[in-house]
Amino acid sequence: MAMAIPETDTFSSSYERFRRHWEKKLCDAYVEILQKMGNAAQWLDNHPGLLLIFLLVVYASVRLRRAYTRPLWHDELFTYNVARSNSAATADPIPAGRPNPIDPMPPEVRNLSSAVS
């Protein structure tokens, strides 16, 4: 007469097979990821210039996006308007008739801004 296998043994053995199968799959995937990361690190060591270019492009794109979405300050607007003017006579940022005017754009800064822009 053959011995009958209890129901719990069948469940536990199938569970163990299932667990071992997925443990092996996860370990294999982990090893594969580590190998790919090692290969990527070696490639980056051999091509440092490309890494620098990539980082500069990412940095520039983030900074440009922020520059286009952020409002300008008053001094930046004064500098922009004065630098775009053709002469010092039309570039007067001080409104006429204002008591105790403060010049937001000294001549040296105006000349430097005009030369750069």
Protein backbone atom coordinates (compact mmCIF):
# COMPACT_ATOMS: atom_id res chain seq x y z
CA MET A 1 0.00 0.00 0.00
CA ALA A 2 1.18 3.48 -0.93
CA MET A 3 1.35 6.14 1.70
CA ALA A 4 -0.76 9.20 1.13
CA ILE A 5 1.02 12.56 1.29
CA PRO A 6 -0.72 14.91 3.67
CA GLU A 7 -2.32 18.01 2.12
CA THR A 8 -0.07 20.40 4.01
CA ASP A 9 3.10 18.87 2.54
CA THR A 10 1.85 19.43 -1.01
CA PHE A 11 1.09 23.08 -0.26
CA SER A 12 4.38 23.73 1.51
CA SER A 13 6.44 22.05 -1.22
CA SER A 14 4.75 24.05 -4.00
CA TYR A 15 5.22 27.20 -1.96
CA GLU A 16 8.90 26.39 -1.47
CA ARG A 17 9.36 25.80 -5.21
CA PHE A 18 7.60 29.10 -5.93
CA ARG A 19 9.74 30.96 -3.39
CA ARG A 20 13.01 29.45 -4.64
CA HIS A 21 12.06 30.25 -8.24
CA TRP A 22 11.46 33.94 -7.51
CA GLU A 23 14.47 34.23 -5.21
CA LYS A 24 16.65 32.94 -8.04
CA LYS A 25 15.03 35.34 -10.52
CA LEU A 26 15.55 38.30 -8.18
CA CYS A 27 19.16 37.34 -7.49
CA ASP A 28 19.84 36.97 -11.21
CA ALA A 29 18.26 40.36 -11.90
CA TYR A 30 20.31 41.94 -9.10
CA VAL A 31 23.54 40.49 -10.50
CA GLU A 32 22.63 41.68 -14.00
CA ILE A 33 21.92 45.21 -12.75
CA LEU A 34 25.25 45.31 -10.91
CA GLN A 35 27.09 44.16 -14.04
CA LYS A 36 25.38 46.82 -16.16
CA MET A 37 26.20 49.50 -13.58
CA GLY A 38 29.83 48.36 -13.59
CA ASN A 39 29.92 48.52 -17.38
CA ALA A 40 28.37 52.01 -17.32
CA ALA A 41 30.90 53.20 -14.73
CA GLN A 42 33.76 51.84 -16.81
CA TRP A 43 32.39 53.53 -19.94
CA LEU A 44 32.09 56.85 -18.07
CA ASP A 45 35.68 56.50 -16.86
CA ASN A 46 36.77 56.09 -20.47
CA HIS A 47 34.68 59.07 -21.71
CA PRO A 48 34.80 61.84 -19.06
CA GLY A 49 34.23 64.60 -21.61
CA LEU A 50 30.85 63.20 -22.60
CA LEU A 51 29.79 63.07 -18.97
CA LEU A 52 30.78 66.71 -18.52
CA ILE A 53 28.85 67.73 -21.65
CA PHE A 54 25.79 65.78 -20.49
CA LEU A 55 25.87 67.41 -17.06
CA LEU A 56 26.29 70.88 -18.59
CA VAL A 57 23.33 70.35 -20.93
CA VAL A 58 21.13 69.17 -18.06
CA TYR A 59 22.22 72.09 -15.87
CA ALA A 60 21.69 74.64 -18.65
CA SER A 61 18.24 73.32 -19.50
CA VAL A 62 17.14 73.50 -15.85
CA ARG A 63 18.56 77.00 -15.41
CA LEU A 64 17.06 78.31 -18.67
CA ARG A 65 13.64 76.95 -17.77
CA ARG A 66 13.83 78.67 -14.41
CA ALA A 67 15.04 81.92 -16.01
CA TYR A 68 12.06 82.00 -18.38
CA THR A 69 9.51 81.29 -15.65
CA ARG A 70 10.89 83.63 -12.97
CA PRO A 71 9.95 87.35 -13.04
CA LEU A 72 12.68 89.98 -13.30
CA TRP A 73 13.62 92.30 -10.46
CA HIS A 74 13.44 96.08 -10.85
CA ASP A 75 17.19 96.53 -11.17
CA GLU A 76 17.28 93.91 -13.95
CA LEU A 77 14.47 95.74 -15.77
CA PHE A 78 16.28 99.08 -15.40
CA THR A 79 19.48 97.53 -16.74
CA TYR A 80 17.67 95.96 -19.68
CA ASN A 81 15.83 99.16 -20.67
CA VAL A 82 18.87 101.39 -20.32
CA ALA A 83 21.08 99.00 -22.27
CA ARG A 84 18.54 98.87 -25.13
CA SER A 85 18.38 102.67 -25.47
CA ASN A 86 20.44 104.42 -28.12
CA SER A 87 21.69 107.40 -26.18
CA ALA A 88 22.09 108.64 -22.65
CA ALA A 89 19.40 111.28 -23.23
CA THR A 90 16.68 108.70 -23.92
CA ALA A 91 17.96 106.34 -21.27
CA ASP A 92 17.06 108.50 -18.28
CA PRO A 93 15.43 106.09 -15.81
CA ILE A 94 14.67 108.93 -13.36
CA PRO A 95 11.19 110.41 -13.93
CA ALA A 96 11.09 114.18 -14.31
CA GLY A 97 9.79 116.14 -11.33
CA ARG A 98 10.56 113.46 -8.79
CA PRO A 99 11.92 114.88 -5.52
CA ASN A 100 15.32 113.57 -4.42
CA PRO A 101 15.80 111.14 -7.30
CA ILE A 102 18.09 108.17 -6.81
CA ASP A 103 19.89 107.05 -9.94
CA PRO A 104 19.41 103.28 -10.24
CA MET A 105 21.94 103.18 -13.09
CA PRO A 106 25.29 104.92 -12.52
CA PRO A 107 27.16 105.90 -15.71
CA GLU A 108 29.82 103.20 -15.38
CA VAL A 109 27.24 100.43 -15.03
CA ARG A 110 25.20 101.86 -17.96
CA ASN A 111 28.24 101.95 -20.23
CA LEU A 112 29.25 98.42 -19.25
CA SER A 113 25.70 97.12 -19.79
CA SER A 114 25.49 98.78 -23.20
CA ALA A 115 28.84 97.33 -24.23
CA VAL A 116 27.88 93.81 -23.18
CA SER A 117 24.38 93.73 -24.67
